[in-house]
Amino acid sequence: MDRYELRIAGELGKRRRHDLGCEPGGTAPAGQSRLVTEPLDRSALYGLLTRMRDAGIDLIAVQRINPHDEGDT
């Protein structure tokens, strides 16, 4: 299973991040947030993206995190 970095427009509160299974992912350009997922398989990732869409969260980018580079982010 892989972890993913999601970049979204705006910010999410702690509870909403928790409900989505995400944690803060560091700094992002103004007006955006970076989130990191728990390890997910492909179907769980698509489910997360669907929940985000249904919640009206504007997705900017999704990137798989290379486990070897994770400490560098």
N, C-alpha and C. Protein backbone atom coordinates (compact mmCIF):
# COMPACT_ATOMS: atom_id res chain seq x y z
N MET A 1 0.84 -1.18 0.00
CA MET A 1 0.00 0.00 0.00
C MET A 1 0.88 1.24 0.00
N ASP A 2 0.37 2.27 -0.62
CA ASP A 2 1.13 3.50 -0.78
C ASP A 2 0.51 4.63 0.03
N ARG A 3 1.34 5.63 0.31
CA ARG A 3 0.86 6.88 0.90
C ARG A 3 0.82 7.91 -0.22
N TYR A 4 -0.08 8.87 -0.09
CA TYR A 4 -0.25 9.89 -1.12
C TYR A 4 -0.24 11.28 -0.50
N GLU A 5 0.30 12.23 -1.26
CA GLU A 5 0.22 13.63 -0.89
C GLU A 5 -0.88 14.26 -1.74
N LEU A 6 -1.81 14.93 -1.08
CA LEU A 6 -2.90 15.59 -1.76
C LEU A 6 -2.74 17.09 -1.56
N ARG A 7 -2.88 17.85 -2.62
CA ARG A 7 -2.88 19.30 -2.49
C ARG A 7 -4.29 19.76 -2.80
N ILE A 8 -4.86 20.55 -1.88
CA ILE A 8 -6.23 21.01 -2.03
C ILE A 8 -6.30 22.52 -1.89
N ALA A 9 -7.39 23.08 -2.42
CA ALA A 9 -7.64 24.51 -2.25
C ALA A 9 -8.23 24.72 -0.86
N GLY A 10 -7.76 25.75 -0.17
CA GLY A 10 -8.28 26.05 1.16
C GLY A 10 -7.62 25.21 2.22
N GLU A 11 -8.25 25.19 3.39
CA GLU A 11 -7.73 24.44 4.52
C GLU A 11 -8.81 23.54 5.10
N LEU A 12 -8.39 22.45 5.71
CA LEU A 12 -9.30 21.54 6.40
C LEU A 12 -9.00 21.58 7.88
N GLY A 13 -10.04 21.54 8.68
CA GLY A 13 -9.86 21.45 10.12
C GLY A 13 -9.36 20.08 10.53
N LYS A 14 -8.88 20.00 11.75
CA LYS A 14 -8.31 18.75 12.27
C LYS A 14 -9.32 17.60 12.20
N ARG A 15 -10.56 17.87 12.58
CA ARG A 15 -11.57 16.81 12.58
C ARG A 15 -11.85 16.30 11.17
N ARG A 16 -11.95 17.22 10.23
CA ARG A 16 -12.22 16.82 8.85
C ARG A 16 -11.04 16.03 8.28
N ARG A 17 -9.81 16.45 8.59
CA ARG A 17 -8.64 15.68 8.15
C ARG A 17 -8.69 14.27 8.73
N HIS A 18 -9.00 14.19 10.03
CA HIS A 18 -9.09 12.89 10.69
C HIS A 18 -10.16 12.02 10.03
N ASP A 19 -11.32 12.60 9.76
CA ASP A 19 -12.40 11.85 9.12
C ASP A 19 -11.99 11.30 7.76
N LEU A 20 -11.12 12.03 7.07
CA LEU A 20 -10.65 11.57 5.76
C LEU A 20 -9.43 10.65 5.86
N GLY A 21 -8.86 10.53 7.06
CA GLY A 21 -7.68 9.68 7.25
C GLY A 21 -6.42 10.35 6.75
N CYS A 22 -6.35 11.68 6.87
CA CYS A 22 -5.19 12.44 6.39
C CYS A 22 -4.55 13.20 7.55
N GLU A 23 -3.30 13.56 7.34
CA GLU A 23 -2.57 14.39 8.31
C GLU A 23 -1.96 15.56 7.55
N PRO A 24 -1.60 16.63 8.24
CA PRO A 24 -0.96 17.76 7.55
C PRO A 24 0.31 17.29 6.86
N GLY A 25 0.57 17.88 5.69
CA GLY A 25 1.73 17.45 4.92
C GLY A 25 2.78 18.52 4.73
N GLY A 26 2.78 19.53 5.56
CA GLY A 26 3.80 20.58 5.44
C GLY A 26 3.27 21.81 4.76
N THR A 27 4.18 22.66 4.34
CA THR A 27 3.80 23.95 3.78
C THR A 27 3.28 23.79 2.35
N ALA A 28 2.42 24.72 1.98
CA ALA A 28 1.85 24.76 0.63
C ALA A 28 1.70 26.22 0.24
N PRO A 29 1.55 26.50 -1.04
CA PRO A 29 1.33 27.88 -1.46
C PRO A 29 0.10 28.47 -0.76
N ALA A 30 0.07 29.80 -0.67
CA ALA A 30 -1.05 30.48 -0.01
C ALA A 30 -2.39 30.02 -0.60
N GLY A 31 -3.34 29.78 0.30
CA GLY A 31 -4.67 29.35 -0.12
C GLY A 31 -4.79 27.87 -0.42
N GLN A 32 -3.72 27.11 -0.15
CA GLN A 32 -3.74 25.67 -0.40
C GLN A 32 -3.28 24.93 0.84
N SER A 33 -3.59 23.64 0.89
CA SER A 33 -3.13 22.76 1.96
C SER A 33 -2.52 21.51 1.36
N ARG A 34 -1.52 20.97 2.05
CA ARG A 34 -0.94 19.68 1.70
C ARG A 34 -1.36 18.68 2.76
N LEU A 35 -1.88 17.55 2.31
CA LEU A 35 -2.30 16.48 3.21
C LEU A 35 -1.58 15.21 2.81
N VAL A 36 -1.33 14.34 3.78
CA VAL A 36 -0.71 13.04 3.52
C VAL A 36 -1.67 11.98 4.04
N THR A 37 -1.89 10.96 3.22
CA THR A 37 -2.82 9.90 3.60
C THR A 37 -2.12 8.83 4.42
N GLU A 38 -2.92 8.06 5.10
CA GLU A 38 -2.46 6.80 5.67
C GLU A 38 -2.17 5.88 4.48
N PRO A 39 -1.47 4.77 4.68
CA PRO A 39 -1.28 3.84 3.55
C PRO A 39 -2.62 3.38 2.99
N LEU A 40 -2.74 3.47 1.67
CA LEU A 40 -3.98 3.13 0.98
C LEU A 40 -3.70 2.21 -0.20
N ASP A 41 -4.65 1.33 -0.49
CA ASP A 41 -4.58 0.62 -1.76
C ASP A 41 -5.36 1.46 -2.78
N ARG A 42 -5.36 1.05 -4.00
CA ARG A 42 -5.96 1.86 -5.07
C ARG A 42 -7.45 2.11 -4.84
N SER A 43 -8.20 1.09 -4.45
CA SER A 43 -9.64 1.29 -4.27
C SER A 43 -9.92 2.25 -3.10
N ALA A 44 -9.12 2.19 -2.04
CA ALA A 44 -9.28 3.12 -0.92
C ALA A 44 -8.95 4.55 -1.35
N LEU A 45 -7.95 4.72 -2.21
CA LEU A 45 -7.62 6.05 -2.73
C LEU A 45 -8.80 6.61 -3.52
N TYR A 46 -9.37 5.81 -4.40
CA TYR A 46 -10.52 6.28 -5.18
C TYR A 46 -11.70 6.61 -4.27
N GLY A 47 -11.89 5.82 -3.21
CA GLY A 47 -12.95 6.12 -2.25
C GLY A 47 -12.71 7.45 -1.55
N LEU A 48 -11.45 7.71 -1.16
CA LEU A 48 -11.10 8.99 -0.53
C LEU A 48 -11.37 10.14 -1.49
N LEU A 49 -10.96 10.00 -2.74
CA LEU A 49 -11.19 11.07 -3.72
C LEU A 49 -12.68 11.31 -3.94
N THR A 50 -13.48 10.27 -3.92
CA THR A 50 -14.92 10.42 -4.06
C THR A 50 -15.51 11.15 -2.86
N ARG A 51 -15.07 10.80 -1.64
CA ARG A 51 -15.57 11.50 -0.44
C ARG A 51 -15.18 12.98 -0.47
N MET A 52 -13.97 13.25 -0.94
CA MET A 52 -13.53 14.65 -1.04
C MET A 52 -14.39 15.40 -2.05
N ARG A 53 -14.65 14.79 -3.19
CA ARG A 53 -15.51 15.42 -4.20
C ARG A 53 -16.89 15.68 -3.64
N ASP A 54 -17.46 14.68 -2.97
CA ASP A 54 -18.81 14.82 -2.41
C ASP A 54 -18.87 15.89 -1.34
N ALA A 55 -17.75 16.13 -0.64
CA ALA A 55 -17.69 17.15 0.40
C ALA A 55 -17.40 18.54 -0.17
N GLY A 56 -17.19 18.63 -1.48
CA GLY A 56 -16.92 19.91 -2.11
C GLY A 56 -15.49 20.40 -1.92
N ILE A 57 -14.57 19.49 -1.64
CA ILE A 57 -13.17 19.85 -1.47
C ILE A 57 -12.52 19.91 -2.84
N ASP A 58 -11.91 21.06 -3.16
CA ASP A 58 -11.28 21.24 -4.47
C ASP A 58 -9.89 20.64 -4.48
N LEU A 59 -9.72 19.58 -5.24
CA LEU A 59 -8.46 18.87 -5.35
C LEU A 59 -7.60 19.54 -6.42
N ILE A 60 -6.36 19.83 -6.08
CA ILE A 60 -5.42 20.43 -7.03
C ILE A 60 -4.49 19.38 -7.60
N ALA A 61 -3.94 18.51 -6.74
CA ALA A 61 -2.98 17.51 -7.21
C ALA A 61 -2.95 16.32 -6.26
N VAL A 62 -2.60 15.16 -6.82
CA VAL A 62 -2.37 13.94 -6.04
C VAL A 62 -1.04 13.38 -6.49
N GLN A 63 -0.21 13.00 -5.53
CA GLN A 63 1.09 12.42 -5.87
C GLN A 63 1.40 11.30 -4.91
N ARG A 64 1.82 10.17 -5.46
CA ARG A 64 2.24 9.04 -4.63
C ARG A 64 3.57 9.41 -3.98
N ILE A 65 3.70 9.10 -2.70
CA ILE A 65 4.93 9.39 -1.97
C ILE A 65 5.83 8.16 -2.04
N ASN A 66 7.04 8.38 -2.49
CA ASN A 66 8.03 7.32 -2.52
C ASN A 66 8.49 7.09 -1.09
N PRO A 67 8.36 5.90 -0.54
CA PRO A 67 8.73 5.66 0.85
C PRO A 67 10.18 6.04 1.15
N HIS A 68 11.06 5.97 0.17
CA HIS A 68 12.47 6.31 0.38
C HIS A 68 12.68 7.81 0.49
N ASP A 69 11.78 8.61 -0.09
CA ASP A 69 11.89 10.07 -0.06
C ASP A 69 11.06 10.70 1.04
N GLU A 70 10.23 9.92 1.72
CA GLU A 70 9.26 10.46 2.68
C GLU A 70 9.90 11.29 3.77
N GLY A 71 11.06 10.95 4.23
CA GLY A 71 11.72 11.72 5.27
C GLY A 71 12.22 13.06 4.79
N ASP A 72 12.29 13.26 3.48
CA ASP A 72 12.80 14.50 2.91
C ASP A 72 11.74 15.56 2.71
N THR A 73 10.44 15.23 2.89
CA THR A 73 9.37 16.19 2.63
C THR A 73 9.08 17.04 3.82
